[in-house]
């Protein structure tokens, strides 16, 4: 007897990720720990948790060779990997965020000249 793909199990795993883990990812991305060691430890713990609770469980799901089920599982894994990539980017980020600084600083007065790094490409006339 041929087994049918277990969409219910994949949906359950995806729902668990969205409800329990995605908020932790978002919290880490928006405000990672300022201490580099704590930031690295939090990243490691969360990424290991995702590996155990999501990716390995998705690998166990039987797709019965059905392309739609395989595609669905693949998309779920890509979604999780995308969240891991965003979190990894936050891991390498320093505590000084230039984009946030520029967005939050007061506008330049008419006498101030915007900072331009020395190697910044200049437009030639």
PDB file of N, CA and C in Angstrom:
ATOM      1  N   UNK A   1       0.831  -1.181   0.000  1.00  0.00           N
ATOM      2  CA  UNK A   1       0.000   0.000   0.000  1.00  0.00           C
ATOM      3  C   UNK A   1       0.878   1.248   0.000  1.00  0.00           C
ATOM      4  N   UNK A   2       0.577   2.151  -0.871  1.00  0.00           N
ATOM      5  CA  UNK A   2       1.361   3.386  -1.000  1.00  0.00           C
ATOM      6  C   UNK A   2       0.912   4.393   0.057  1.00  0.00           C
ATOM      7  N   UNK A   3       1.885   4.985   0.755  1.00  0.00           N
ATOM      8  CA  UNK A   3       1.570   5.982   1.773  1.00  0.00           C
ATOM      9  C   UNK A   3       1.311   7.337   1.121  1.00  0.00           C
ATOM     10  N   UNK A   4       0.345   8.050   1.647  1.00  0.00           N
ATOM     11  CA  UNK A   4       0.059   9.393   1.149  1.00  0.00           C
ATOM     12  C   UNK A   4       0.970  10.393   1.850  1.00  0.00           C
ATOM     13  N   UNK A   5       1.324  11.482   1.187  1.00  0.00           N
ATOM     14  CA  UNK A   5       2.162  12.496   1.829  1.00  0.00           C
ATOM     15  C   UNK A   5       1.461  13.046   3.064  1.00  0.00           C
ATOM     16  N   UNK A   6       2.227  13.355   4.057  1.00  0.00           N
ATOM     17  CA  UNK A   6       1.668  13.808   5.322  1.00  0.00           C
ATOM     18  C   UNK A   6       1.685  15.341   5.388  1.00  0.00           C
ATOM     19  N   UNK A   7       0.738  15.970   4.673  1.00  0.00           N
ATOM     20  CA  UNK A   7       0.633  17.427   4.678  1.00  0.00           C
ATOM     21  C   UNK A   7       0.288  17.952   6.066  1.00  0.00           C
ATOM     22  N   UNK A   8      -0.523  17.198   6.805  1.00  0.00           N
ATOM     23  CA  UNK A   8      -0.934  17.633   8.144  1.00  0.00           C
ATOM     24  C   UNK A   8       0.286  17.767   9.051  1.00  0.00           C
ATOM     25  N   UNK A   9       1.202  16.810   8.963  1.00  0.00           N
ATOM     26  CA  UNK A   9       2.408  16.864   9.793  1.00  0.00           C
ATOM     27  C   UNK A   9       3.286  18.059   9.385  1.00  0.00           C
ATOM     28  N   UNK A  10       3.424  18.293   8.082  1.00  0.00           N
ATOM     29  CA  UNK A  10       4.229  19.432   7.626  1.00  0.00           C
ATOM     30  C   UNK A  10       3.591  20.749   8.051  1.00  0.00           C
ATOM     31  N   UNK A  11       2.256  20.828   7.953  1.00  0.00           N
ATOM     32  CA  UNK A  11       1.567  22.036   8.402  1.00  0.00           C
ATOM     33  C   UNK A  11       1.737  22.250   9.896  1.00  0.00           C
ATOM     34  N   UNK A  12       1.723  21.175  10.662  1.00  0.00           N
ATOM     35  CA  UNK A  12       1.905  21.260  12.109  1.00  0.00           C
ATOM     36  C   UNK A  12       3.308  21.773  12.455  1.00  0.00           C
ATOM     37  N   UNK A  13       4.299  21.263  11.763  1.00  0.00           N
ATOM     38  CA  UNK A  13       5.683  21.706  11.988  1.00  0.00           C
ATOM     39  C   UNK A  13       5.823  23.183  11.619  1.00  0.00           C
ATOM     40  N   UNK A  14       5.233  23.582  10.494  1.00  0.00           N
ATOM     41  CA  UNK A  14       5.289  24.982  10.060  1.00  0.00           C
ATOM     42  C   UNK A  14       4.577  25.888  11.061  1.00  0.00           C
ATOM     43  N   UNK A  15       3.435  25.441  11.569  1.00  0.00           N
ATOM     44  CA  UNK A  15       2.692  26.237  12.551  1.00  0.00           C
ATOM     45  C   UNK A  15       3.486  26.383  13.845  1.00  0.00           C
ATOM     46  N   UNK A  16       4.160  25.310  14.261  1.00  0.00           N
ATOM     47  CA  UNK A  16       4.993  25.372  15.463  1.00  0.00           C
ATOM     48  C   UNK A  16       6.130  26.372  15.264  1.00  0.00           C
ATOM     49  N   UNK A  17       6.754  26.337  14.090  1.00  0.00           N
ATOM     50  CA  UNK A  17       7.836  27.286  13.797  1.00  0.00           C
ATOM     51  C   UNK A  17       7.317  28.721  13.853  1.00  0.00           C
ATOM     52  N   UNK A  18       6.170  28.962  13.205  1.00  0.00           N
ATOM     53  CA  UNK A  18       5.607  30.315  13.175  1.00  0.00           C
ATOM     54  C   UNK A  18       5.195  30.805  14.557  1.00  0.00           C
ATOM     55  N   UNK A  19       4.638  29.925  15.368  1.00  0.00           N
ATOM     56  CA  UNK A  19       4.125  30.331  16.680  1.00  0.00           C
ATOM     57  C   UNK A  19       5.215  30.435  17.743  1.00  0.00           C
ATOM     58  N   UNK A  20       6.160  29.504  17.740  1.00  0.00           N
ATOM     59  CA  UNK A  20       7.128  29.438  18.833  1.00  0.00           C
ATOM     60  C   UNK A  20       8.507  29.974  18.481  1.00  0.00           C
ATOM     61  N   UNK A  21       8.984  29.683  17.286  1.00  0.00           N
ATOM     62  CA  UNK A  21      10.370  30.017  16.960  1.00  0.00           C
ATOM     63  C   UNK A  21      10.533  31.314  16.179  1.00  0.00           C
ATOM     64  N   UNK A  22       9.637  31.583  15.253  1.00  0.00           N
ATOM     65  CA  UNK A  22       9.772  32.806  14.462  1.00  0.00           C
ATOM     66  C   UNK A  22       9.812  34.065  15.344  1.00  0.00           C
ATOM     67  N   UNK A  23       8.972  34.161  16.404  1.00  0.00           N
ATOM     68  CA  UNK A  23       9.078  35.338  17.276  1.00  0.00           C
ATOM     69  C   UNK A  23      10.454  35.466  17.953  1.00  0.00           C
ATOM     70  N   UNK A  24      11.069  34.326  18.282  1.00  0.00           N
ATOM     71  CA  UNK A  24      12.414  34.368  18.871  1.00  0.00           C
ATOM     72  C   UNK A  24      13.438  34.853  17.847  1.00  0.00           C
ATOM     73  N   UNK A  25      13.283  34.418  16.594  1.00  0.00           N
ATOM     74  CA  UNK A  25      14.150  34.896  15.515  1.00  0.00           C
ATOM     75  C   UNK A  25      14.010  36.414  15.380  1.00  0.00           C
ATOM     76  N   UNK A  26      12.760  36.872  15.331  1.00  0.00           N
ATOM     77  CA  UNK A  26      12.487  38.295  15.139  1.00  0.00           C
ATOM     78  C   UNK A  26      13.083  39.111  16.277  1.00  0.00           C
ATOM     79  N   UNK A  27      12.931  38.615  17.490  1.00  0.00           N
ATOM     80  CA  UNK A  27      13.485  39.310  18.658  1.00  0.00           C
ATOM     81  C   UNK A  27      15.010  39.383  18.560  1.00  0.00           C
ATOM     82  N   UNK A  28      15.644  38.279  18.153  1.00  0.00           N
ATOM     83  CA  UNK A  28      17.093  38.248  18.012  1.00  0.00           C
ATOM     84  C   UNK A  28      17.558  39.215  16.925  1.00  0.00           C
ATOM     85  N   UNK A  29      16.834  39.225  15.801  1.00  0.00           N
ATOM     86  CA  UNK A  29      17.219  40.081  14.676  1.00  0.00           C
ATOM     87  C   UNK A  29      17.060  41.553  15.031  1.00  0.00           C
ATOM     88  N   UNK A  30      15.958  41.906  15.694  1.00  0.00           N
ATOM     89  CA  UNK A  30      15.697  43.304  16.027  1.00  0.00           C
ATOM     90  C   UNK A  30      16.599  43.828  17.132  1.00  0.00           C
ATOM     91  N   UNK A  31      16.921  42.993  18.099  1.00  0.00           N
ATOM     92  CA  UNK A  31      17.801  43.457  19.183  1.00  0.00           C
ATOM     93  C   UNK A  31      18.648  42.298  19.688  1.00  0.00           C
ATOM     94  N   UNK A  32      19.715  41.979  18.941  1.00  0.00           N
ATOM     95  CA  UNK A  32      20.604  40.903  19.391  1.00  0.00           C
ATOM     96  C   UNK A  32      21.340  41.333  20.661  1.00  0.00           C
ATOM     97  N   UNK A  33      21.768  40.378  21.472  1.00  0.00           N
ATOM     98  CA  UNK A  33      22.532  40.734  22.673  1.00  0.00           C
ATOM     99  C   UNK A  33      23.751  41.580  22.294  1.00  0.00           C
ATOM    100  N   UNK A  34      24.044  42.574  23.109  1.00  0.00           N
ATOM    101  CA  UNK A  34      25.160  43.472  22.789  1.00  0.00           C
ATOM    102  C   UNK A  34      26.512  42.805  23.005  1.00  0.00           C
ATOM    103  N   UNK A  35      26.593  41.896  23.951  1.00  0.00           N
ATOM    104  CA  UNK A  35      27.844  41.184  24.211  1.00  0.00           C
ATOM    105  C   UNK A  35      28.070  40.142  23.113  1.00  0.00           C
ATOM    106  N   UNK A  36      29.211  40.184  22.431  1.00  0.00           N
ATOM    107  CA  UNK A  36      29.461  39.256  21.321  1.00  0.00           C
ATOM    108  C   UNK A  36      29.346  37.777  21.720  1.00  0.00           C
ATOM    109  N   UNK A  37      29.822  37.422  22.919  1.00  0.00           N
ATOM    110  CA  UNK A  37      29.742  36.021  23.365  1.00  0.00           C
ATOM    111  C   UNK A  37      28.291  35.613  23.579  1.00  0.00           C
ATOM    112  N   UNK A  38      27.510  36.466  24.222  1.00  0.00           N
ATOM    113  CA  UNK A  38      26.094  36.156  24.435  1.00  0.00           C
ATOM    114  C   UNK A  38      25.345  36.087  23.103  1.00  0.00           C
ATOM    115  N   UNK A  39      25.697  36.969  22.178  1.00  0.00           N
ATOM    116  CA  UNK A  39      25.061  36.981  20.858  1.00  0.00           C
ATOM    117  C   UNK A  39      25.345  35.664  20.139  1.00  0.00           C
ATOM    118  N   UNK A  40      26.587  35.206  20.203  1.00  0.00           N
ATOM    119  CA  UNK A  40      26.965  33.952  19.543  1.00  0.00           C
ATOM    120  C   UNK A  40      26.285  32.755  20.207  1.00  0.00           C
ATOM    121  N   UNK A  41      26.231  32.740  21.549  1.00  0.00           N
ATOM    122  CA  UNK A  41      25.574  31.640  22.269  1.00  0.00           C
ATOM    123  C   UNK A  41      24.078  31.584  21.954  1.00  0.00           C
ATOM    124  N   UNK A  42      23.421  32.738  21.935  1.00  0.00           N
ATOM    125  CA  UNK A  42      21.986  32.784  21.631  1.00  0.00           C
ATOM    126  C   UNK A  42      21.735  32.297  20.210  1.00  0.00           C
ATOM    127  N   UNK A  43      22.599  32.686  19.278  1.00  0.00           N
ATOM    128  CA  UNK A  43      22.478  32.236  17.889  1.00  0.00           C
ATOM    129  C   UNK A  43      22.621  30.718  17.809  1.00  0.00           C
ATOM    130  N   UNK A  44      23.629  30.193  18.480  1.00  0.00           N
ATOM    131  CA  UNK A  44      23.886  28.747  18.440  1.00  0.00           C
ATOM    132  C   UNK A  44      22.699  27.975  19.020  1.00  0.00           C
ATOM    133  N   UNK A  45      22.200  28.421  20.171  1.00  0.00           N
ATOM    134  CA  UNK A  45      21.084  27.713  20.809  1.00  0.00           C
ATOM    135  C   UNK A  45      19.828  27.733  19.937  1.00  0.00           C
ATOM    136  N   UNK A  46      19.522  28.884  19.385  1.00  0.00           N
ATOM    137  CA  UNK A  46      18.321  28.994  18.574  1.00  0.00           C
ATOM    138  C   UNK A  46      18.449  28.224  17.264  1.00  0.00           C
ATOM    139  N   UNK A  47      19.616  28.278  16.638  1.00  0.00           N
ATOM    140  CA  UNK A  47      19.793  27.553  15.376  1.00  0.00           C
ATOM    141  C   UNK A  47      19.764  26.041  15.611  1.00  0.00           C
ATOM    142  N   UNK A  48      20.320  25.567  16.734  1.00  0.00           N
ATOM    143  CA  UNK A  48      20.261  24.135  17.050  1.00  0.00           C
ATOM    144  C   UNK A  48      18.826  23.707  17.333  1.00  0.00           C
ATOM    145  N   UNK A  49      18.086  24.547  18.022  1.00  0.00           N
ATOM    146  CA  UNK A  49      16.679  24.248  18.318  1.00  0.00           C
ATOM    147  C   UNK A  49      15.867  24.128  17.018  1.00  0.00           C
ATOM    148  N   UNK A  50      16.122  25.032  16.093  1.00  0.00           N
ATOM    149  CA  UNK A  50      15.425  24.990  14.803  1.00  0.00           C
ATOM    150  C   UNK A  50      15.804  23.732  14.037  1.00  0.00           C
ATOM    151  N   UNK A  51      17.052  23.369  14.098  1.00  0.00           N
ATOM    152  CA  UNK A  51      17.502  22.162  13.405  1.00  0.00           C
ATOM    153  C   UNK A  51      16.764  20.937  13.948  1.00  0.00           C
ATOM    154  N   UNK A  52      16.659  20.847  15.278  1.00  0.00           N
ATOM    155  CA  UNK A  52      16.016  19.677  15.892  1.00  0.00           C
ATOM    156  C   UNK A  52      14.502  19.691  15.727  1.00  0.00           C
ATOM    157  N   UNK A  53      13.882  20.839  15.931  1.00  0.00           N
ATOM    158  CA  UNK A  53      12.426  20.898  15.971  1.00  0.00           C
ATOM    159  C   UNK A  53      11.766  21.141  14.613  1.00  0.00           C
ATOM    160  N   UNK A  54      12.540  21.580  13.638  1.00  0.00           N
ATOM    161  CA  UNK A  54      11.919  21.876  12.346  1.00  0.00           C
ATOM    162  C   UNK A  54      12.568  21.078  11.217  1.00  0.00           C
ATOM    163  N   UNK A  55      13.817  21.332  10.945  1.00  0.00           N
ATOM    164  CA  UNK A  55      14.454  20.756   9.755  1.00  0.00           C
ATOM    165  C   UNK A  55      14.528  19.233   9.828  1.00  0.00           C
ATOM    166  N   UNK A  56      14.973  18.682  10.960  1.00  0.00           N
ATOM    167  CA  UNK A  56      15.052  17.224  11.064  1.00  0.00           C
ATOM    168  C   UNK A  56      13.667  16.581  11.028  1.00  0.00           C
ATOM    169  N   UNK A  57      12.685  17.236  11.632  1.00  0.00           N
ATOM    170  CA  UNK A  57      11.321  16.700  11.592  1.00  0.00           C
ATOM    171  C   UNK A  57      10.753  16.751  10.178  1.00  0.00           C
ATOM    172  N   UNK A  58      11.060  17.803   9.440  1.00  0.00           N
ATOM    173  CA  UNK A  58      10.600  17.875   8.046  1.00  0.00           C
ATOM    174  C   UNK A  58      11.263  16.798   7.201  1.00  0.00           C
ATOM    175  N   UNK A  59      12.530  16.496   7.496  1.00  0.00           N
ATOM    176  CA  UNK A  59      13.225  15.435   6.764  1.00  0.00           C
ATOM    177  C   UNK A  59      12.583  14.067   6.994  1.00  0.00           C
ATOM    178  N   UNK A  60      11.956  13.877   8.167  1.00  0.00           N
ATOM    179  CA  UNK A  60      11.329  12.595   8.491  1.00  0.00           C
ATOM    180  C   UNK A  60       9.973  12.406   7.811  1.00  0.00           C
ATOM    181  N   UNK A  61       9.376  13.480   7.327  1.00  0.00           N
ATOM    182  CA  UNK A  61       8.038  13.396   6.737  1.00  0.00           C
ATOM    183  C   UNK A  61       8.103  12.655   5.404  1.00  0.00           C
ATOM    184  N   UNK A  62       7.229  11.676   5.255  1.00  0.00           N
ATOM    185  CA  UNK A  62       7.142  10.885   4.019  1.00  0.00           C
ATOM    186  C   UNK A  62       6.367  11.679   2.964  1.00  0.00           C
ATOM    187  N   UNK A  63       6.981  11.861   1.802  1.00  0.00           N
ATOM    188  CA  UNK A  63       6.299  12.583   0.721  1.00  0.00           C
ATOM    189  C   UNK A  63       5.732  11.638  -0.330  1.00  0.00           C
ATOM    190  N   UNK A  64       5.999  10.352  -0.198  1.00  0.00           N
ATOM    191  CA  UNK A  64       5.502   9.332  -1.123  1.00  0.00           C
ATOM    192  C   UNK A  64       5.863   9.647  -2.582  1.00  0.00           C
ATOM    193  N   UNK A  65       6.951  10.369  -2.760  1.00  0.00           N
ATOM    194  CA  UNK A  65       7.409  10.681  -4.109  1.00  0.00           C
ATOM    195  C   UNK A  65       6.551  11.694  -4.843  1.00  0.00           C
ATOM    196  N   UNK A  66       5.567  12.235  -4.189  1.00  0.00           N
ATOM    197  CA  UNK A  66       4.680  13.203  -4.839  1.00  0.00           C
ATOM    198  C   UNK A  66       5.395  14.550  -4.938  1.00  0.00           C
ATOM    199  N   UNK A  67       5.463  15.081  -6.138  1.00  0.00           N
ATOM    200  CA  UNK A  67       6.192  16.325  -6.376  1.00  0.00           C
ATOM    201  C   UNK A  67       5.606  17.500  -5.593  1.00  0.00           C
ATOM    202  N   UNK A  68       4.290  17.570  -5.484  1.00  0.00           N
ATOM    203  CA  UNK A  68       3.667  18.664  -4.729  1.00  0.00           C
ATOM    204  C   UNK A  68       4.068  18.653  -3.269  1.00  0.00           C
ATOM    205  N   UNK A  69       4.115  17.475  -2.673  1.00  0.00           N
ATOM    206  CA  UNK A  69       4.511  17.346  -1.266  1.00  0.00           C
ATOM    207  C   UNK A  69       5.989  17.679  -1.097  1.00  0.00           C
ATOM    208  N   UNK A  70       6.811  17.209  -2.019  1.00  0.00           N
ATOM    209  CA  UNK A  70       8.248  17.506  -1.955  1.00  0.00           C
ATOM    210  C   UNK A  70       8.489  19.001  -2.093  1.00  0.00           C
ATOM    211  N   UNK A  71       7.764  19.629  -3.004  1.00  0.00           N
ATOM    212  CA  UNK A  71       7.886  21.071  -3.221  1.00  0.00           C
ATOM    213  C   UNK A  71       7.456  21.848  -1.982  1.00  0.00           C
ATOM    214  N   UNK A  72       6.363  21.400  -1.368  1.00  0.00           N
ATOM    215  CA  UNK A  72       5.869  22.047  -0.151  1.00  0.00           C
ATOM    216  C   UNK A  72       6.910  21.950   0.969  1.00  0.00           C
ATOM    217  N   UNK A  73       7.464  20.762   1.156  1.00  0.00           N
ATOM    218  CA  UNK A  73       8.487  20.564   2.194  1.00  0.00           C
ATOM    219  C   UNK A  73       9.721  21.409   1.889  1.00  0.00           C
ATOM    220  N   UNK A  74      10.124  21.435   0.634  1.00  0.00           N
ATOM    221  CA  UNK A  74      11.294  22.228   0.229  1.00  0.00           C
ATOM    222  C   UNK A  74      11.077  23.713   0.531  1.00  0.00           C
ATOM    223  N   UNK A  75       9.863  24.209   0.252  1.00  0.00           N
ATOM    224  CA  UNK A  75       9.567  25.618   0.509  1.00  0.00           C
ATOM    225  C   UNK A  75       9.607  25.928   2.009  1.00  0.00           C
ATOM    226  N   UNK A  76       9.096  25.015   2.824  1.00  0.00           N
ATOM    227  CA  UNK A  76       9.156  25.205   4.276  1.00  0.00           C
ATOM    228  C   UNK A  76      10.609  25.279   4.753  1.00  0.00           C
ATOM    229  N   UNK A  77      11.437  24.395   4.230  1.00  0.00           N
ATOM    230  CA  UNK A  77      12.853  24.394   4.629  1.00  0.00           C
ATOM    231  C   UNK A  77      13.529  25.684   4.166  1.00  0.00           C
ATOM    232  N   UNK A  78      13.217  26.153   2.974  1.00  0.00           N
ATOM    233  CA  UNK A  78      13.806  27.412   2.486  1.00  0.00           C
ATOM    234  C   UNK A  78      13.384  28.592   3.358  1.00  0.00           C
ATOM    235  N   UNK A  79      12.145  28.584   3.801  1.00  0.00           N
ATOM    236  CA  UNK A  79      11.653  29.644   4.683  1.00  0.00           C
ATOM    237  C   UNK A  79      12.449  29.664   5.987  1.00  0.00           C
ATOM    238  N   UNK A  80      12.661  28.492   6.563  1.00  0.00           N
ATOM    239  CA  UNK A  80      13.429  28.389   7.805  1.00  0.00           C
ATOM    240  C   UNK A  80      14.876  28.799   7.568  1.00  0.00           C
ATOM    241  N   UNK A  81      15.460  28.378   6.469  1.00  0.00           N
ATOM    242  CA  UNK A  81      16.842  28.748   6.159  1.00  0.00           C
ATOM    243  C   UNK A  81      16.979  30.253   5.947  1.00  0.00           C
ATOM    244  N   UNK A  82      15.962  30.880   5.363  1.00  0.00           N
ATOM    245  CA  UNK A  82      15.983  32.335   5.196  1.00  0.00           C
ATOM    246  C   UNK A  82      15.993  33.041   6.542  1.00  0.00           C
ATOM    247  N   UNK A  83      15.203  32.545   7.486  1.00  0.00           N
ATOM    248  CA  UNK A  83      15.198  33.117   8.837  1.00  0.00           C
ATOM    249  C   UNK A  83      16.557  32.915   9.504  1.00  0.00           C
ATOM    250  N   UNK A  84      17.164  31.753   9.290  1.00  0.00           N
ATOM    251  CA  UNK A  84      18.504  31.502   9.847  1.00  0.00           C
ATOM    252  C   UNK A  84      19.537  32.449   9.242  1.00  0.00           C
ATOM    253  N   UNK A  85      19.425  32.722   7.938  1.00  0.00           N
ATOM    254  CA  UNK A  85      20.366  33.651   7.295  1.00  0.00           C
ATOM    255  C   UNK A  85      20.237  35.057   7.878  1.00  0.00           C
ATOM    256  N   UNK A  86      18.999  35.509   8.083  1.00  0.00           N
ATOM    257  CA  UNK A  86      18.794  36.833   8.671  1.00  0.00           C
ATOM    258  C   UNK A  86      19.396  36.895  10.072  1.00  0.00           C
ATOM    259  N   UNK A  87      19.214  35.820  10.812  1.00  0.00           N
ATOM    260  CA  UNK A  87      19.758  35.782  12.158  1.00  0.00           C
ATOM    261  C   UNK A  87      21.289  35.762  12.116  1.00  0.00           C
ATOM    262  N   UNK A  88      21.861  35.035  11.177  1.00  0.00           N
ATOM    263  CA  UNK A  88      23.326  34.987  11.042  1.00  0.00           C
ATOM    264  C   UNK A  88      23.868  36.360  10.687  1.00  0.00           C
ATOM    265  N   UNK A  89      23.127  37.111   9.877  1.00  0.00           N
ATOM    266  CA  UNK A  89      23.544  38.467   9.539  1.00  0.00           C
ATOM    267  C   UNK A  89      23.575  39.335  10.801  1.00  0.00           C
ATOM    268  N   UNK A  90      22.598  39.157  11.674  1.00  0.00           N
ATOM    269  CA  UNK A  90      22.572  39.903  12.933  1.00  0.00           C
ATOM    270  C   UNK A  90      23.724  39.496  13.836  1.00  0.00           C
ATOM    271  N   UNK A  91      24.151  38.241  13.734  1.00  0.00           N
ATOM    272  CA  UNK A  91      25.268  37.761  14.540  1.00  0.00           C
ATOM    273  C   UNK A  91      26.543  38.529  14.207  1.00  0.00           C
ATOM    274  N   UNK A  92      26.758  38.789  12.930  1.00  0.00           N
ATOM    275  CA  UNK A  92      27.981  39.461  12.503  1.00  0.00           C
ATOM    276  C   UNK A  92      27.893  40.977  12.629  1.00  0.00           C
ATOM    277  N   UNK A  93      26.699  41.473  12.886  1.00  0.00           N
ATOM    278  CA  UNK A  93      26.495  42.916  12.987  1.00  0.00           C
ATOM    279  C   UNK A  93      27.139  43.444  14.267  1.00  0.00           C
ATOM    280  N   UNK A  94      27.760  44.606  14.175  1.00  0.00           N
ATOM    281  CA  UNK A  94      28.343  45.214  15.360  1.00  0.00           C
ATOM    282  C   UNK A  94      27.263  45.935  16.145  1.00  0.00           C
ATOM    283  N   UNK A  95      27.602  46.375  17.340  1.00  0.00           N
ATOM    284  CA  UNK A  95      26.601  47.062  18.159  1.00  0.00           C
ATOM    285  C   UNK A  95      26.252  48.431  17.574  1.00  0.00           C
ATOM    286  N   UNK A  96      27.125  49.000  16.744  1.00  0.00           N
ATOM    287  CA  UNK A  96      26.827  50.275  16.097  1.00  0.00           C
ATOM    288  C   UNK A  96      26.163  49.994  14.767  1.00  0.00           C
ATOM    289  N   UNK A  97      24.973  50.482  14.597  1.00  0.00           N
ATOM    290  CA  UNK A  97      24.234  50.277  13.357  1.00  0.00           C
ATOM    291  C   UNK A  97      24.136  51.620  12.638  1.00  0.00           C
ATOM    292  N   UNK A  98      24.901  51.782  11.570  1.00  0.00           N
ATOM    293  CA  UNK A  98      24.974  53.054  10.855  1.00  0.00           C
ATOM    294  C   UNK A  98      23.632  53.452  10.246  1.00  0.00           C
ATOM    295  N   UNK A  99      22.873  52.484   9.775  1.00  0.00           N
ATOM    296  CA  UNK A  99      21.586  52.805   9.153  1.00  0.00           C
ATOM    297  C   UNK A  99      20.642  53.406  10.196  1.00  0.00           C
ATOM    298  N   UNK A 100      20.573  52.784  11.367  1.00  0.00           N
ATOM    299  CA  UNK A 100      19.720  53.308  12.431  1.00  0.00           C
ATOM    300  C   UNK A 100      20.209  54.686  12.867  1.00  0.00           C
ATOM    301  N   UNK A 101      21.518  54.869  12.934  1.00  0.00           N
ATOM    302  CA  UNK A 101      22.070  56.161  13.327  1.00  0.00           C
ATOM    303  C   UNK A 101      21.642  57.251  12.346  1.00  0.00           C
ATOM    304  N   UNK A 102      21.774  56.970  11.061  1.00  0.00           N
ATOM    305  CA  UNK A 102      21.427  57.962  10.042  1.00  0.00           C
ATOM    306  C   UNK A 102      19.931  58.260  10.075  1.00  0.00           C
ATOM    307  N   UNK A 103      19.111  57.248  10.251  1.00  0.00           N
ATOM    308  CA  UNK A 103      17.662  57.459  10.293  1.00  0.00           C
ATOM    309  C   UNK A 103      17.241  58.301  11.500  1.00  0.00           C
ATOM    310  N   UNK A 104      17.911  58.146  12.616  1.00  0.00           N
ATOM    311  CA  UNK A 104      17.487  58.786  13.858  1.00  0.00           C
ATOM    312  C   UNK A 104      18.178  60.114  14.159  1.00  0.00           C
ATOM    313  N   UNK A 105      19.182  60.470  13.407  1.00  0.00           N
ATOM    314  CA  UNK A 105      19.877  61.724  13.706  1.00  0.00           C
ATOM    315  C   UNK A 105      19.063  62.906  13.177  1.00  0.00           C
ATOM    316  N   UNK A 106      19.244  64.072  13.765  1.00  0.00           N
ATOM    317  CA  UNK A 106      18.517  65.243  13.273  1.00  0.00           C
ATOM    318  C   UNK A 106      19.005  65.626  11.875  1.00  0.00           C
ATOM    319  N   UNK A 107      18.163  66.293  11.103  1.00  0.00           N
ATOM    320  CA  UNK A 107      18.582  66.682   9.752  1.00  0.00           C
ATOM    321  C   UNK A 107      19.758  67.666   9.796  1.00  0.00           C
ATOM    322  N   UNK A 108      20.542  67.676   8.737  1.00  0.00           N
ATOM    323  CA  UNK A 108      21.682  68.589   8.654  1.00  0.00           C
ATOM    324  C   UNK A 108      21.182  70.025   8.501  1.00  0.00           C
ATOM    325  N   UNK A 109      21.921  70.939   9.126  1.00  0.00           N
ATOM    326  CA  UNK A 109      21.586  72.348   8.909  1.00  0.00           C
ATOM    327  C   UNK A 109      22.143  72.748   7.544  1.00  0.00           C
ATOM    328  N   UNK A 110      21.802  73.927   7.089  1.00  0.00           N
ATOM    329  CA  UNK A 110      22.253  74.344   5.758  1.00  0.00           C
ATOM    330  C   UNK A 110      23.763  74.543   5.686  1.00  0.00           C
ATOM    331  N   UNK A 111      24.443  74.689   6.842  1.00  0.00           N
ATOM    332  CA  UNK A 111      25.895  74.914   6.851  1.00  0.00           C
ATOM    333  C   UNK A 111      26.687  73.628   7.015  1.00  0.00           C
ATOM    334  N   UNK A 112      26.027  72.532   7.372  1.00  0.00           N
ATOM    335  CA  UNK A 112      26.734  71.265   7.563  1.00  0.00           C
ATOM    336  C   UNK A 112      26.895  70.543   6.234  1.00  0.00           C
ATOM    337  N   UNK A 113      28.024  69.874   6.101  1.00  0.00           N
ATOM    338  CA  UNK A 113      28.295  69.089   4.909  1.00  0.00           C
ATOM    339  C   UNK A 113      28.142  67.622   5.285  1.00  0.00           C
ATOM    340  N   UNK A 114      27.398  66.845   4.497  1.00  0.00           N
ATOM    341  CA  UNK A 114      27.258  65.431   4.839  1.00  0.00           C
ATOM    342  C   UNK A 114      28.598  64.723   4.804  1.00  0.00           C
ATOM    343  N   UNK A 115      28.780  63.778   5.712  1.00  0.00           N
ATOM    344  CA  UNK A 115      30.008  62.994   5.760  1.00  0.00           C
ATOM    345  C   UNK A 115      30.095  62.108   4.529  1.00  0.00           C
ATOM    346  N   UNK A 116      31.249  62.102   3.906  1.00  0.00           N
ATOM    347  CA  UNK A 116      31.482  61.232   2.756  1.00  0.00           C
ATOM    348  C   UNK A 116      32.799  60.511   3.017  1.00  0.00           C
ATOM    349  N   UNK A 117      32.770  59.159   3.050  1.00  0.00           N
ATOM    350  CA  UNK A 117      34.013  58.422   3.270  1.00  0.00           C
ATOM    351  C   UNK A 117      35.036  58.770   2.197  1.00  0.00           C
ATOM    352  N   UNK A 118      36.321  58.700   2.526  1.00  0.00           N
ATOM    353  CA  UNK A 118      37.369  59.092   1.575  1.00  0.00           C
ATOM    354  C   UNK A 118      37.329  58.330   0.252  1.00  0.00           C
ATOM    355  N   UNK A 119      36.933  57.067   0.247  1.00  0.00           N
ATOM    356  CA  UNK A 119      36.928  56.283  -0.979  1.00  0.00           C
ATOM    357  C   UNK A 119      35.562  56.260  -1.655  1.00  0.00           C
ATOM    358  N   UNK A 120      34.687  57.129  -1.237  1.00  0.00           N
ATOM    359  CA  UNK A 120      33.332  57.152  -1.803  1.00  0.00           C
ATOM    360  C   UNK A 120      33.416  57.611  -3.255  1.00  0.00           C
ATOM    361  N   UNK A 121      32.803  56.863  -4.181  1.00  0.00           N
ATOM    362  CA  UNK A 121      32.884  57.270  -5.594  1.00  0.00           C
ATOM    363  C   UNK A 121      32.229  58.632  -5.820  1.00  0.00           C
ATOM    364  N   UNK A 122      32.890  59.462  -6.541  1.00  0.00           N
ATOM    365  CA  UNK A 122      32.359  60.791  -6.845  1.00  0.00           C
ATOM    366  C   UNK A 122      31.855  60.812  -8.267  1.00  0.00           C
ATOM    367  N   UNK A 123      30.827  61.603  -8.482  1.00  0.00           N
ATOM    368  CA  UNK A 123      30.305  61.745  -9.831  1.00  0.00           C
ATOM    369  C   UNK A 123      31.202  62.695 -10.591  1.00  0.00           C
ATOM    370  N   UNK A 124      31.568  62.318 -11.786  1.00  0.00           N
ATOM    371  CA  UNK A 124      32.414  63.167 -12.621  1.00  0.00           C
ATOM    372  C   UNK A 124      31.525  63.944 -13.581  1.00  0.00           C
ATOM    373  N   UNK A 125      31.808  65.217 -13.711  1.00  0.00           N
ATOM    374  CA  UNK A 125      30.997  66.078 -14.582  1.00  0.00           C
ATOM    375  C   UNK A 125      31.440  65.951 -16.013  1.00  0.00           C
TER     376      UNK A 125
END
